Amino acid sequence: MPALREALRDLPDAVFADVLESEDAYLFVLDLPGVTAESIDATVEGGRLRIEGQRTKDAPGEFRFVREDRSVFLDVELPLPPDTTGQGAEGTVENGVLELRLPKATAAPSTTIPIGED
């Protein structure tokens, strides 16, 4: 996972991320304040996790933005560990915390192959 560790270090300063591992899955937890389920997309393709998200915010009432330092637009690709699969992946976002559960690929259980005579 050295490539993944490097990629996580390159995330924007406004994004904090953790990667957790169990026997059967990886859990990616990213703090993305202001991001909603409607404003984020995540895909797994070619051994990479791509996350695109945007914070949605409006200026209240009679106010307008003079300076805007809290913008979050995330477009990042993270290399995945080789045993990761996108099949059965699940994601949720609550209070600006995105959780992506990516199952590990499992080998088929051992099977005896019947050998017949011609």
C-alpha atoms as a PDB file:
ATOM      1  CA  MET A   1       0.000   0.000   0.000  1.00  0.00           C
ATOM      2  CA  PRO A   2       2.921   2.458  -0.328  1.00  0.00           C
ATOM      3  CA  ALA A   3       1.362   4.058  -3.435  1.00  0.00           C
ATOM      4  CA  LEU A   4      -1.913   4.569  -1.550  1.00  0.00           C
ATOM      5  CA  ARG A   5      -0.079   6.157   1.399  1.00  0.00           C
ATOM      6  CA  GLU A   6       1.672   8.580  -0.972  1.00  0.00           C
ATOM      7  CA  ALA A   7      -1.607   9.477  -2.692  1.00  0.00           C
ATOM      8  CA  LEU A   8      -3.309  10.161   0.644  1.00  0.00           C
ATOM      9  CA  ARG A   9      -0.508  12.589   1.538  1.00  0.00           C
ATOM     10  CA  ASP A  10      -1.244  14.504  -1.674  1.00  0.00           C
ATOM     11  CA  LEU A  11      -4.908  15.148  -0.827  1.00  0.00           C
ATOM     12  CA  PRO A  12      -5.893  18.812  -0.465  1.00  0.00           C
ATOM     13  CA  ASP A  13      -5.327  20.281   3.007  1.00  0.00           C
ATOM     14  CA  ALA A  14      -9.092  20.546   3.561  1.00  0.00           C
ATOM     15  CA  VAL A  15      -9.526  16.764   3.199  1.00  0.00           C
ATOM     16  CA  PHE A  16      -8.632  14.304   5.926  1.00  0.00           C
ATOM     17  CA  ALA A  17      -8.710  10.578   5.185  1.00  0.00           C
ATOM     18  CA  ASP A  18      -8.328   7.275   7.008  1.00  0.00           C
ATOM     19  CA  VAL A  19      -8.045   3.798   5.526  1.00  0.00           C
ATOM     20  CA  LEU A  20      -9.074   0.840   7.645  1.00  0.00           C
ATOM     21  CA  GLU A  21      -8.776  -2.859   6.839  1.00  0.00           C
ATOM     22  CA  SER A  22     -10.685  -5.945   7.941  1.00  0.00           C
ATOM     23  CA  GLU A  23     -10.398  -9.530   6.763  1.00  0.00           C
ATOM     24  CA  ASP A  24     -12.865  -8.974   3.941  1.00  0.00           C
ATOM     25  CA  ALA A  25     -12.861  -5.238   3.109  1.00  0.00           C
ATOM     26  CA  TYR A  26     -11.196  -1.838   3.160  1.00  0.00           C
ATOM     27  CA  LEU A  27     -12.988   1.172   4.606  1.00  0.00           C
ATOM     28  CA  PHE A  28     -12.087   4.627   3.297  1.00  0.00           C
ATOM     29  CA  VAL A  29     -13.249   7.496   5.552  1.00  0.00           C
ATOM     30  CA  LEU A  30     -12.887  11.031   4.180  1.00  0.00           C
ATOM     31  CA  ASP A  31     -13.890  14.272   5.873  1.00  0.00           C
ATOM     32  CA  LEU A  32     -15.518  16.413   3.196  1.00  0.00           C
ATOM     33  CA  PRO A  33     -17.431  19.184   4.990  1.00  0.00           C
ATOM     34  CA  GLY A  34     -20.450  20.429   3.096  1.00  0.00           C
ATOM     35  CA  VAL A  35     -20.496  17.532   0.615  1.00  0.00           C
ATOM     36  CA  THR A  36     -23.771  15.657   0.192  1.00  0.00           C
ATOM     37  CA  ALA A  37     -24.697  12.369  -1.460  1.00  0.00           C
ATOM     38  CA  GLU A  38     -25.994  14.383  -4.432  1.00  0.00           C
ATOM     39  CA  SER A  39     -22.719  16.281  -4.889  1.00  0.00           C
ATOM     40  CA  ILE A  40     -20.274  13.367  -4.816  1.00  0.00           C
ATOM     41  CA  ASP A  41     -19.428  10.461  -7.131  1.00  0.00           C
ATOM     42  CA  ALA A  42     -17.117   7.539  -6.460  1.00  0.00           C
ATOM     43  CA  THR A  43     -16.037   4.866  -8.937  1.00  0.00           C
ATOM     44  CA  VAL A  44     -13.620   1.959  -8.983  1.00  0.00           C
ATOM     45  CA  GLU A  45     -11.910   1.248 -12.280  1.00  0.00           C
ATOM     46  CA  GLY A  46      -8.583  -0.213 -13.292  1.00  0.00           C
ATOM     47  CA  GLY A  47      -7.340  -0.654  -9.724  1.00  0.00           C
ATOM     48  CA  ARG A  48      -8.041   2.957  -8.792  1.00  0.00           C
ATOM     49  CA  LEU A  49     -10.656   4.721  -6.684  1.00  0.00           C
ATOM     50  CA  ARG A  50     -11.851   7.986  -8.189  1.00  0.00           C
ATOM     51  CA  ILE A  51     -13.740  10.465  -6.027  1.00  0.00           C
ATOM     52  CA  GLU A  52     -15.310  13.643  -7.374  1.00  0.00           C
ATOM     53  CA  GLY A  53     -17.133  15.919  -4.988  1.00  0.00           C
ATOM     54  CA  GLN A  54     -18.112  19.511  -4.440  1.00  0.00           C
ATOM     55  CA  ARG A  55     -19.238  21.436  -1.409  1.00  0.00           C
ATOM     56  CA  THR A  56     -22.502  23.225  -1.955  1.00  0.00           C
ATOM     57  CA  LYS A  57     -22.973  26.482  -0.117  1.00  0.00           C
ATOM     58  CA  ASP A  58     -24.852  29.722  -0.470  1.00  0.00           C
ATOM     59  CA  ALA A  59     -24.298  33.150   1.004  1.00  0.00           C
ATOM     60  CA  PRO A  60     -27.046  33.853   3.538  1.00  0.00           C
ATOM     61  CA  GLY A  61     -29.577  36.602   2.822  1.00  0.00           C
ATOM     62  CA  GLU A  62     -28.100  39.982   1.985  1.00  0.00           C
ATOM     63  CA  PHE A  63     -24.472  38.750   2.196  1.00  0.00           C
ATOM     64  CA  ARG A  64     -22.111  38.071  -0.694  1.00  0.00           C
ATOM     65  CA  PHE A  65     -18.721  36.410  -0.745  1.00  0.00           C
ATOM     66  CA  VAL A  66     -15.827  38.854  -0.426  1.00  0.00           C
ATOM     67  CA  ARG A  67     -13.320  36.082   0.168  1.00  0.00           C
ATOM     68  CA  GLU A  68     -13.886  32.354  -0.166  1.00  0.00           C
ATOM     69  CA  ASP A  69     -11.298  30.072   1.420  1.00  0.00           C
ATOM     70  CA  ARG A  70     -13.563  27.150   2.288  1.00  0.00           C
ATOM     71  CA  SER A  71     -14.280  25.853  -1.168  1.00  0.00           C
ATOM     72  CA  VAL A  72     -14.006  22.119  -1.636  1.00  0.00           C
ATOM     73  CA  PHE A  73     -13.844  20.668  -5.075  1.00  0.00           C
ATOM     74  CA  LEU A  74     -12.314  17.241  -4.964  1.00  0.00           C
ATOM     75  CA  ASP A  75     -11.223  15.290  -8.027  1.00  0.00           C
ATOM     76  CA  VAL A  76      -8.811  12.608  -6.878  1.00  0.00           C
ATOM     77  CA  GLU A  77      -7.700   9.144  -7.944  1.00  0.00           C
ATOM     78  CA  LEU A  78      -6.252   6.796  -5.349  1.00  0.00           C
ATOM     79  CA  PRO A  79      -4.446   3.554  -6.191  1.00  0.00           C
ATOM     80  CA  LEU A  80      -6.133   0.607  -4.530  1.00  0.00           C
ATOM     81  CA  PRO A  81      -4.486  -2.405  -2.921  1.00  0.00           C
ATOM     82  CA  PRO A  82      -4.379  -5.247  -5.480  1.00  0.00           C
ATOM     83  CA  ASP A  83      -6.899  -7.376  -3.569  1.00  0.00           C
ATOM     84  CA  THR A  84      -9.610  -4.698  -3.721  1.00  0.00           C
ATOM     85  CA  THR A  85     -12.700  -5.096  -5.859  1.00  0.00           C
ATOM     86  CA  GLY A  86     -15.468  -2.671  -6.688  1.00  0.00           C
ATOM     87  CA  GLN A  87     -18.045  -5.478  -6.716  1.00  0.00           C
ATOM     88  CA  GLY A  88     -20.434  -4.986  -3.809  1.00  0.00           C
ATOM     89  CA  ALA A  89     -18.899  -1.653  -2.782  1.00  0.00           C
ATOM     90  CA  GLU A  90     -21.039   0.594  -0.586  1.00  0.00           C
ATOM     91  CA  GLY A  91     -20.849   4.262   0.277  1.00  0.00           C
ATOM     92  CA  THR A  92     -22.536   6.680   2.639  1.00  0.00           C
ATOM     93  CA  VAL A  93     -22.109  10.331   3.490  1.00  0.00           C
ATOM     94  CA  GLU A  94     -23.350  11.801   6.749  1.00  0.00           C
ATOM     95  CA  ASN A  95     -22.485  15.173   8.246  1.00  0.00           C
ATOM     96  CA  GLY A  96     -19.742  15.652   5.655  1.00  0.00           C
ATOM     97  CA  VAL A  97     -18.044  12.306   6.329  1.00  0.00           C
ATOM     98  CA  LEU A  98     -17.815   9.973   3.342  1.00  0.00           C
ATOM     99  CA  GLU A  99     -17.405   6.267   4.078  1.00  0.00           C
ATOM    100  CA  LEU A 100     -16.636   3.860   1.243  1.00  0.00           C
ATOM    101  CA  ARG A 101     -16.522   0.124   1.960  1.00  0.00           C
ATOM    102  CA  LEU A 102     -14.669  -1.774  -0.759  1.00  0.00           C
ATOM    103  CA  PRO A 103     -14.665  -5.578  -0.471  1.00  0.00           C
ATOM    104  CA  LYS A 104     -11.534  -7.596  -0.957  1.00  0.00           C
ATOM    105  CA  ALA A 105     -11.440 -10.052  -3.830  1.00  0.00           C
ATOM    106  CA  THR A 106     -11.613 -13.549  -2.471  1.00  0.00           C
ATOM    107  CA  ALA A 107     -10.248 -16.636  -4.114  1.00  0.00           C
ATOM    108  CA  ALA A 108     -12.743 -19.347  -4.885  1.00  0.00           C
ATOM    109  CA  PRO A 109     -12.856 -22.011  -2.197  1.00  0.00           C
ATOM    110  CA  SER A 110     -10.790 -25.074  -2.983  1.00  0.00           C
ATOM    111  CA  THR A 111     -12.561 -27.391  -5.338  1.00  0.00           C
ATOM    112  CA  THR A 112     -11.734 -30.920  -6.372  1.00  0.00           C
ATOM    113  CA  ILE A 113     -11.766 -31.207 -10.152  1.00  0.00           C
ATOM    114  CA  PRO A 114     -13.240 -34.508 -11.273  1.00  0.00           C
ATOM    115  CA  ILE A 115     -11.007 -36.361 -13.725  1.00  0.00           C
ATOM    116  CA  GLY A 116     -12.704 -38.861 -15.999  1.00  0.00           C
ATOM    117  CA  GLU A 117     -11.402 -41.433 -18.438  1.00  0.00           C
ATOM    118  CA  ASP A 118     -11.909 -41.162 -22.173  1.00  0.00           C
END
